[in-house]
Protein backbone atom coordinates (compact mmCIF):
# COMPACT_ATOMS: atom_id res chain seq x y z
CA MET A 1 0.00 0.00 0.00
CA PRO A 2 1.38 3.46 -0.84
CA GLU A 3 2.48 5.77 1.94
CA PRO A 4 0.71 9.15 2.01
CA PRO A 5 2.43 12.45 1.17
CA GLY A 6 4.42 13.83 4.10
CA PHE A 7 4.49 10.50 5.97
CA GLY A 8 7.71 9.52 7.69
CA PRO A 9 9.30 8.55 11.00
CA PRO A 10 11.36 10.75 13.30
CA LEU A 11 15.12 10.78 12.93
CA HIS A 12 16.48 7.53 14.29
CA ILE A 13 19.45 5.15 14.42
CA HIS A 14 19.55 1.40 13.87
CA HIS A 15 22.45 0.39 16.09
CA ASP A 16 22.75 -3.16 14.81
CA ALA A 17 21.52 -3.10 11.20
CA ALA A 18 22.17 -1.35 7.92
CA GLU A 19 19.05 -0.20 6.06
CA VAL A 20 18.41 -0.02 2.33
CA PHE A 21 15.65 1.95 0.61
CA TYR A 22 14.63 1.13 -2.95
CA VAL A 23 12.00 3.57 -4.24
CA LEU A 24 9.36 1.63 -6.19
CA ALA A 25 7.02 4.51 -7.00
CA GLY A 26 6.76 8.21 -6.25
CA GLU A 27 9.42 10.15 -4.41
CA TYR A 28 11.03 10.25 -0.97
CA ARG A 29 13.20 12.79 0.80
CA ILE A 30 15.87 10.87 2.66
CA PHE A 31 17.70 12.56 5.55
CA VAL A 32 21.14 11.13 6.42
CA ASN A 33 23.75 12.75 8.69
CA GLY A 34 22.66 16.33 8.06
CA GLU A 35 22.07 15.93 4.32
CA GLU A 36 18.76 15.78 2.48
CA ARG A 37 18.39 13.92 -0.82
CA VAL A 38 15.38 13.78 -3.12
CA CYS A 39 15.01 10.16 -4.25
CA PRO A 40 12.67 9.52 -7.19
CA GLU A 41 11.42 6.15 -8.40
CA GLY A 42 14.35 3.79 -9.01
CA SER A 43 16.58 5.33 -6.33
CA PHE A 44 18.65 3.02 -4.13
CA VAL A 45 19.86 4.34 -0.75
CA TYR A 46 22.19 2.49 1.63
CA ILE A 47 22.40 3.62 5.27
CA PRO A 48 25.06 1.91 7.42
CA ALA A 49 24.28 0.81 10.97
CA GLY A 50 24.76 3.57 13.54
CA VAL A 51 23.89 6.46 11.21
CA VAL A 52 21.17 9.04 12.03
CA HIS A 53 18.49 9.04 9.32
CA GLY A 54 14.83 9.49 8.48
CA PHE A 55 12.59 10.11 5.49
CA ARG A 56 9.48 11.89 4.28
CA VAL A 57 7.21 10.89 1.41
CA GLY A 58 7.15 13.47 -1.38
CA ASP A 59 4.09 15.24 -2.82
CA LYS A 60 2.22 12.12 -3.96
CA PRO A 61 1.60 8.67 -2.49
CA SER A 62 4.78 6.60 -2.78
CA ARG A 63 6.07 3.08 -2.21
CA LYS A 64 9.47 1.74 -1.21
CA LEU A 65 11.14 -1.52 -0.34
CA ASN A 66 13.17 -1.61 2.88
CA ILE A 67 15.84 -4.19 3.55
CA TYR A 68 17.67 -4.55 6.87
CA SER A 69 20.95 -6.40 7.17
CA PRO A 70 21.12 -8.36 9.30
CA ALA A 71 17.39 -8.78 9.69
CA ALA A 72 17.45 -7.09 13.11
CA MET A 73 14.09 -5.36 12.62
CA VAL A 74 12.14 -8.63 12.30
CA GLY A 75 9.21 -8.24 14.67
CA TYR A 76 9.49 -4.46 15.14
CA PHE A 77 6.80 -3.52 12.63
CA ASP A 78 4.50 -6.32 13.88
CA GLU A 79 4.79 -5.11 17.48
CA LEU A 80 4.39 -1.47 16.54
CA SER A 81 1.33 -2.21 14.37
CA ALA A 82 -0.27 -4.28 17.15
CA ALA A 83 0.27 -1.50 19.71
CA LEU A 84 -1.16 1.14 17.37
CA ALA A 85 -4.15 -1.07 16.46
CA GLN A 86 -4.92 -1.29 20.20
CA GLY A 87 -4.83 2.50 20.41
CA ASN A 88 -1.54 2.42 22.34
CA ASP A 89 0.40 5.24 20.67
CA ASP A 90 1.95 6.37 23.96
CA PRO A 91 5.41 7.76 23.08
CA ASP A 92 7.04 5.75 25.88
CA ARG A 93 5.50 2.52 24.56
CA VAL A 94 6.64 3.28 21.01
CA THR A 95 10.15 4.16 22.29
CA ASN A 96 10.32 0.89 24.25
CA ILE A 97 9.36 -1.13 21.18
CA ALA A 98 12.07 0.64 19.17
CA ALA A 99 14.68 0.03 21.89
CA LYS A 100 13.86 -3.68 21.94
CA TYR A 101 15.04 -3.80 18.31
CA SER A 102 18.17 -1.64 18.87
CA MET A 103 16.56 1.39 17.27
CA GLU A 104 16.98 4.78 18.94
CA VAL A 105 14.67 7.70 18.16
CA VAL A 106 16.75 10.88 18.28
CA GLY A 107 14.12 13.48 17.39
CA PRO A 108 11.75 14.73 14.74
CA VAL A 109 12.88 15.50 11.23
CA PRO A 110 13.40 19.27 11.33
CA GLU A 111 11.07 21.31 9.09
CA ASN A 112 14.05 22.86 7.27
CA TYR A 113 16.45 19.94 7.58
CA VAL A 114 19.37 21.46 5.67
């Protein structure tokens, strides 16, 4: 399912996994270590473990493929989805789920990132 325009997580770090984005449709703005890149369909982005990053969907619904290596995030999205489906969007709960999978939220993506 496409992600809506403007959607994206806060800036975060995966301490034990590299992350890859492959843009299948639309456009994403990827934020990595103080730099912002516009990534149209067909873009491939590699983010090493331990690097601060985030993203925002561009002006139209977009889709991407994420790959984590090693597969350290297995279970994270299931747990997060289950908590949100139960109406549990408490920031502490969300932070605890992230920490369980060695992900650290470091803050929101700034409005004017660069």
